[in-house]
Amino acid sequence: MPDKVRFLVWRQGERVIAFALCVVHEGSIDFDYVGFDYAVAFKLHLYYRVFRDLIDWAIPNGCTRFYSGSLNYDPKWHLRQSLYPIDLYVRHTSDLINAVFRRLLPLMEPTRADPILPNFPNYRELWE
């Protein structure tokens, strides 16, 4: 998918300090993965710099919608993003185990306990 996937790399001298993996499709950019060198990430505010640089790249390249990955909701809340539902499907090869999964997985779903999520204005819409 060379026409859709973008790898962006940030360097400090010769050292890679951050990277982002994005998918560009029909006017949207989906910011799926980010990685940091945590020895400098907080000092250099890399999460916000990567976000800013990604937007600075996306706009002149025709992107009008931005979707972000599902982890680390605190920065997304501070950047005033909205939540976007992402479905995760788990299926085992055994029908018996799938019957157990059907009951247990909603109880194990990690975002239900995230204290930041209720702060998003559209949080309640996702559970309706």
C-alpha atoms as a PDB file:
ATOM      1  CA  MET A   1       0.000   0.000   0.000  1.00  0.00           C
ATOM      2  CA  PRO A   2       2.709   2.510  -0.861  1.00  0.00           C
ATOM      3  CA  ASP A   3       0.083   4.966  -2.123  1.00  0.00           C
ATOM      4  CA  LYS A   4      -1.680   5.040   1.277  1.00  0.00           C
ATOM      5  CA  VAL A   5       0.861   4.403   4.060  1.00  0.00           C
ATOM      6  CA  ARG A   6       3.081   7.173   5.380  1.00  0.00           C
ATOM      7  CA  PHE A   7       6.001   6.763   7.776  1.00  0.00           C
ATOM      8  CA  LEU A   8       7.173  10.002   9.334  1.00  0.00           C
ATOM      9  CA  VAL A   9      10.438  10.090  11.286  1.00  0.00           C
ATOM     10  CA  TRP A  10      11.789  12.772  13.627  1.00  0.00           C
ATOM     11  CA  ARG A  11      15.503  12.937  14.330  1.00  0.00           C
ATOM     12  CA  GLN A  12      17.792  14.704  16.730  1.00  0.00           C
ATOM     13  CA  GLY A  13      21.061  14.680  14.834  1.00  0.00           C
ATOM     14  CA  GLU A  14      21.485  11.092  13.625  1.00  0.00           C
ATOM     15  CA  ARG A  15      19.277   9.643  16.375  1.00  0.00           C
ATOM     16  CA  VAL A  16      15.628   8.755  15.699  1.00  0.00           C
ATOM     17  CA  ILE A  17      13.533  10.198  18.531  1.00  0.00           C
ATOM     18  CA  ALA A  18      10.001   9.691  17.176  1.00  0.00           C
ATOM     19  CA  PHE A  19       8.094   8.049  14.356  1.00  0.00           C
ATOM     20  CA  ALA A  20       4.505   7.914  13.182  1.00  0.00           C
ATOM     21  CA  LEU A  21       2.685   5.431  10.978  1.00  0.00           C
ATOM     22  CA  CYS A  22      -0.341   6.837   9.145  1.00  0.00           C
ATOM     23  CA  VAL A  23      -2.775   5.716   6.477  1.00  0.00           C
ATOM     24  CA  VAL A  24      -4.012   8.336   3.997  1.00  0.00           C
ATOM     25  CA  HIS A  25      -7.243   7.568   2.135  1.00  0.00           C
ATOM     26  CA  GLU A  26      -9.892   9.710   0.416  1.00  0.00           C
ATOM     27  CA  GLY A  27      -9.100  12.948   2.208  1.00  0.00           C
ATOM     28  CA  SER A  28      -8.552  11.487   5.657  1.00  0.00           C
ATOM     29  CA  ILE A  29      -5.436  10.644   7.598  1.00  0.00           C
ATOM     30  CA  ASP A  30      -5.550   7.879  10.184  1.00  0.00           C
ATOM     31  CA  PHE A  31      -2.758   8.317  12.740  1.00  0.00           C
ATOM     32  CA  ASP A  32      -2.376   4.702  13.832  1.00  0.00           C
ATOM     33  CA  TYR A  33       0.952   4.273  15.616  1.00  0.00           C
ATOM     34  CA  VAL A  34       3.518   6.505  17.236  1.00  0.00           C
ATOM     35  CA  GLY A  35       6.807   5.681  18.880  1.00  0.00           C
ATOM     36  CA  PHE A  36       9.162   7.768  20.972  1.00  0.00           C
ATOM     37  CA  ASP A  37      12.600   7.729  22.470  1.00  0.00           C
ATOM     38  CA  TYR A  38      11.383   8.265  26.022  1.00  0.00           C
ATOM     39  CA  ALA A  39      14.791   9.518  27.133  1.00  0.00           C
ATOM     40  CA  VAL A  40      13.841  12.809  25.426  1.00  0.00           C
ATOM     41  CA  ALA A  41      10.096  12.491  24.699  1.00  0.00           C
ATOM     42  CA  PHE A  42       8.757  14.455  27.659  1.00  0.00           C
ATOM     43  CA  LYS A  43      11.482  17.094  27.655  1.00  0.00           C
ATOM     44  CA  LEU A  44      10.861  17.802  23.954  1.00  0.00           C
ATOM     45  CA  HIS A  45       7.047  17.429  24.157  1.00  0.00           C
ATOM     46  CA  LEU A  46       7.207  14.912  21.332  1.00  0.00           C
ATOM     47  CA  TYR A  47       3.555  13.834  21.441  1.00  0.00           C
ATOM     48  CA  TYR A  48       2.424  17.372  20.676  1.00  0.00           C
ATOM     49  CA  ARG A  49       5.225  18.050  18.190  1.00  0.00           C
ATOM     50  CA  VAL A  50       4.397  14.888  16.248  1.00  0.00           C
ATOM     51  CA  PHE A  51       0.701  15.839  16.251  1.00  0.00           C
ATOM     52  CA  ARG A  52       1.480  19.387  15.074  1.00  0.00           C
ATOM     53  CA  ASP A  53       3.868  18.245  12.364  1.00  0.00           C
ATOM     54  CA  LEU A  54       1.433  15.603  11.178  1.00  0.00           C
ATOM     55  CA  ILE A  55      -1.329  18.196  10.807  1.00  0.00           C
ATOM     56  CA  ASP A  56       1.128  20.569   9.099  1.00  0.00           C
ATOM     57  CA  TRP A  57       1.872  17.801   6.589  1.00  0.00           C
ATOM     58  CA  ALA A  58      -1.731  16.595   6.168  1.00  0.00           C
ATOM     59  CA  ILE A  59      -3.407  19.898   5.285  1.00  0.00           C
ATOM     60  CA  PRO A  60      -1.287  20.799   2.230  1.00  0.00           C
ATOM     61  CA  ASN A  61      -1.498  17.170   1.133  1.00  0.00           C
ATOM     62  CA  GLY A  62      -5.296  17.294   0.837  1.00  0.00           C
ATOM     63  CA  CYS A  63      -6.395  15.720   4.117  1.00  0.00           C
ATOM     64  CA  THR A  64      -9.563  17.216   5.586  1.00  0.00           C
ATOM     65  CA  ARG A  65     -10.286  14.622   8.313  1.00  0.00           C
ATOM     66  CA  PHE A  66      -8.009  13.353  11.082  1.00  0.00           C
ATOM     67  CA  TYR A  67      -8.481  10.069  12.950  1.00  0.00           C
ATOM     68  CA  SER A  68      -6.220   9.075  15.793  1.00  0.00           C
ATOM     69  CA  GLY A  69      -5.384   5.672  17.263  1.00  0.00           C
ATOM     70  CA  SER A  70      -7.137   4.330  20.308  1.00  0.00           C
ATOM     71  CA  LEU A  71      -4.520   4.744  23.029  1.00  0.00           C
ATOM     72  CA  ASN A  72      -3.577   7.574  25.389  1.00  0.00           C
ATOM     73  CA  TYR A  73      -6.797   9.542  25.659  1.00  0.00           C
ATOM     74  CA  ASP A  74      -5.458  12.349  27.867  1.00  0.00           C
ATOM     75  CA  PRO A  75      -3.590  14.205  25.087  1.00  0.00           C
ATOM     76  CA  LYS A  76      -6.568  13.713  22.746  1.00  0.00           C
ATOM     77  CA  TRP A  77      -8.878  15.267  25.318  1.00  0.00           C
ATOM     78  CA  HIS A  78      -6.521  18.228  25.779  1.00  0.00           C
ATOM     79  CA  LEU A  79      -6.376  18.669  22.001  1.00  0.00           C
ATOM     80  CA  ARG A  80     -10.218  18.761  22.003  1.00  0.00           C
ATOM     81  CA  GLN A  81     -10.626  15.746  19.766  1.00  0.00           C
ATOM     82  CA  SER A  82     -13.839  13.718  19.674  1.00  0.00           C
ATOM     83  CA  LEU A  83     -14.021  10.005  20.230  1.00  0.00           C
ATOM     84  CA  TYR A  84     -14.454   7.824  17.169  1.00  0.00           C
ATOM     85  CA  PRO A  85     -15.823   4.297  17.607  1.00  0.00           C
ATOM     86  CA  ILE A  86     -13.425   1.547  16.661  1.00  0.00           C
ATOM     87  CA  ASP A  87     -14.740  -1.981  16.651  1.00  0.00           C
ATOM     88  CA  LEU A  88     -12.591  -4.851  17.834  1.00  0.00           C
ATOM     89  CA  TYR A  89     -13.663  -8.357  17.008  1.00  0.00           C
ATOM     90  CA  VAL A  90     -12.304 -11.423  18.751  1.00  0.00           C
ATOM     91  CA  ARG A  91     -13.185 -14.862  17.527  1.00  0.00           C
ATOM     92  CA  HIS A  92     -11.764 -18.217  18.499  1.00  0.00           C
ATOM     93  CA  THR A  93     -11.925 -21.338  16.336  1.00  0.00           C
ATOM     94  CA  SER A  94     -14.012 -23.079  19.023  1.00  0.00           C
ATOM     95  CA  ASP A  95     -17.739 -22.238  19.239  1.00  0.00           C
ATOM     96  CA  LEU A  96     -17.705 -23.129  22.939  1.00  0.00           C
ATOM     97  CA  ILE A  97     -14.901 -20.670  23.703  1.00  0.00           C
ATOM     98  CA  ASN A  98     -16.689 -18.028  21.604  1.00  0.00           C
ATOM     99  CA  ALA A  99     -19.783 -18.450  23.789  1.00  0.00           C
ATOM    100  CA  VAL A 100     -17.624 -17.733  26.840  1.00  0.00           C
ATOM    101  CA  PHE A 101     -15.895 -14.800  25.083  1.00  0.00           C
ATOM    102  CA  ARG A 102     -19.271 -13.267  24.252  1.00  0.00           C
ATOM    103  CA  ARG A 103     -20.001 -12.910  27.974  1.00  0.00           C
ATOM    104  CA  LEU A 104     -16.517 -12.150  29.322  1.00  0.00           C
ATOM    105  CA  LEU A 105     -15.038  -9.714  26.808  1.00  0.00           C
ATOM    106  CA  PRO A 106     -17.425  -6.821  27.588  1.00  0.00           C
ATOM    107  CA  LEU A 107     -16.348  -7.084  31.242  1.00  0.00           C
ATOM    108  CA  MET A 108     -12.658  -7.071  30.291  1.00  0.00           C
ATOM    109  CA  GLU A 109     -12.892  -4.217  27.779  1.00  0.00           C
ATOM    110  CA  PRO A 110     -10.199  -1.789  28.996  1.00  0.00           C
ATOM    111  CA  THR A 111     -11.685   1.600  28.100  1.00  0.00           C
ATOM    112  CA  ARG A 112     -14.679   1.261  30.436  1.00  0.00           C
ATOM    113  CA  ALA A 113     -12.365   2.001  33.388  1.00  0.00           C
ATOM    114  CA  ASP A 114     -10.432   4.862  31.780  1.00  0.00           C
ATOM    115  CA  PRO A 115     -11.066   7.976  33.930  1.00  0.00           C
ATOM    116  CA  ILE A 116     -10.413  10.423  31.050  1.00  0.00           C
ATOM    117  CA  LEU A 117     -13.025   9.064  28.618  1.00  0.00           C
ATOM    118  CA  PRO A 118     -16.134  10.505  30.335  1.00  0.00           C
ATOM    119  CA  ASN A 119     -14.626  13.995  29.829  1.00  0.00           C
ATOM    120  CA  PHE A 120     -15.140  13.762  26.050  1.00  0.00           C
ATOM    121  CA  PRO A 121     -18.339  15.491  24.909  1.00  0.00           C
ATOM    122  CA  ASN A 122     -19.475  12.530  22.793  1.00  0.00           C
ATOM    123  CA  TYR A 123     -18.581   9.765  25.292  1.00  0.00           C
ATOM    124  CA  ARG A 124     -22.205   8.842  26.074  1.00  0.00           C
ATOM    125  CA  GLU A 125     -23.059   8.532  22.353  1.00  0.00           C
ATOM    126  CA  LEU A 126     -20.625   5.627  21.997  1.00  0.00           C
ATOM    127  CA  TRP A 127     -22.464   3.505  24.585  1.00  0.00           C
ATOM    128  CA  GLU A 128     -25.972   4.086  23.246  1.00  0.00           C
END
